[in-house]
Amino acid sequence: MKNELTLQLIDTHAGGDVSRIVTGGVDPLPGATVRQQMEYLRDDADGLRKLLLEEPYGAPEMSVDLIVPPSDSRAETGYIIMEVMGYPIYSGSNTICTATAVLESGLVPKREGHQHFLLESPAGLVQIDARVENGVVEAITCGGLPSYIDTYRAAIHVPGLGDITYSVAYSGGFYALVDARDLGFHLTLDEERDLARCAGAIVEAIQAERGFSHYTLGDVGPLPFLHFMGPVDQVADDFYRSRSATYVHPGVICRSTTGTGTSARLALMHHEGGIRPGDKLETVSLRESGFIGEFLGVEQAGADGHDVVRNTITGKGHVLARSEIVVNCDDPMVECAGLHHILTSRHG
């Protein structure tokens, strides 16, 4: 008999971004809140993130969402987000995927029509509105984090690129926002590698020059995201559309436009006076997938009186696979250090 480490997964995607939802195989984590459980993983058990995002089990372009018990009794479940850059406290695409997975797996009973429930992320409670048609989850609308503009049209010199104009928004992480046309991009799929190289150089230059501080969270680490903005087209009185691409440092161009990237765009459009409450923006990715962000309104927050944008993000999640993976610690490609204390073993 041997001790076998296994994980139960539901692989999903929203807008092309693959999220692996871990539904079983991990022992209860210490921490009174989902945020504290996330901090424990980050500080004492980062091997789980690396295991599922690196060979032979995964790829850096994927994300991982671990289902954990909520600390707030109003939430159906909690979830912790893991990406190549670390542990973002919120993500729209990961929330859409997690909400879809808990419905399709029966962790949250699925009902025909519209249903509403709460999930608990490291950022706090998230309102989920699900639309179910003929037993299929057709759309998830989730609350975007309150978003604001930290920096508007600053300039930085980037080696090999010259002087770059950028803005910075907070929408669950700090995003550099740059005009794709100014950099010679049309935001088509054939530009993906060049977009990653360009974004990496800009992010590294910004990181070397300055840091950013949230008005309540304080220092949340170096800026990890960049969002390329295409032209904004008005397609109806209250509906806009823009090609977009989101970069995650180091080296990843997301397959979707990302929910937090879309929230960042709404914050910038409000800052520039371009939208009213009820207006919607559809961001369209290199792969022609999209998310729809709705601008709900604005409120003042923080000692400096930031204009904070309230918003929602809508998208569709798709189930790709339901599986159980075996963590083989005898495999030279598998690093099990820091895993045994959180993975449940069973006798095989």
Foldseek 3Di string as FASTA:
>chain_A
DDWWQKWWWWWKFWLQAIETETDDFWAAADDLAQLRSLVCCQPQFVQVLCQCCDPPNHHQSHKYKYWHAGNDPQALTEIWIAHPQGTQQDWDGNVQQVVQVCPVVVSPDDDAAWDWGWYQTSVGIKIWIFHADPNHGFKIKIWWAWKAWPAAFDWFQFPPQGIFTWTWMDTSAIETEGEQVVRPDPQAPVCQQVVLVVVQRVQVRQQVPDADADQPRGGPDGHFKYKHWYDWDDPDPQEIETEMWMYGPPRYIHSANIPSNLLRVVNVCVVVVNHDQQHKYWYAHNVRGTKIKGFHAWAFDHPVGTTITIIMIMTHMGTDDTDMDIQDCVPPVRDCVSPPVTGDIDDD
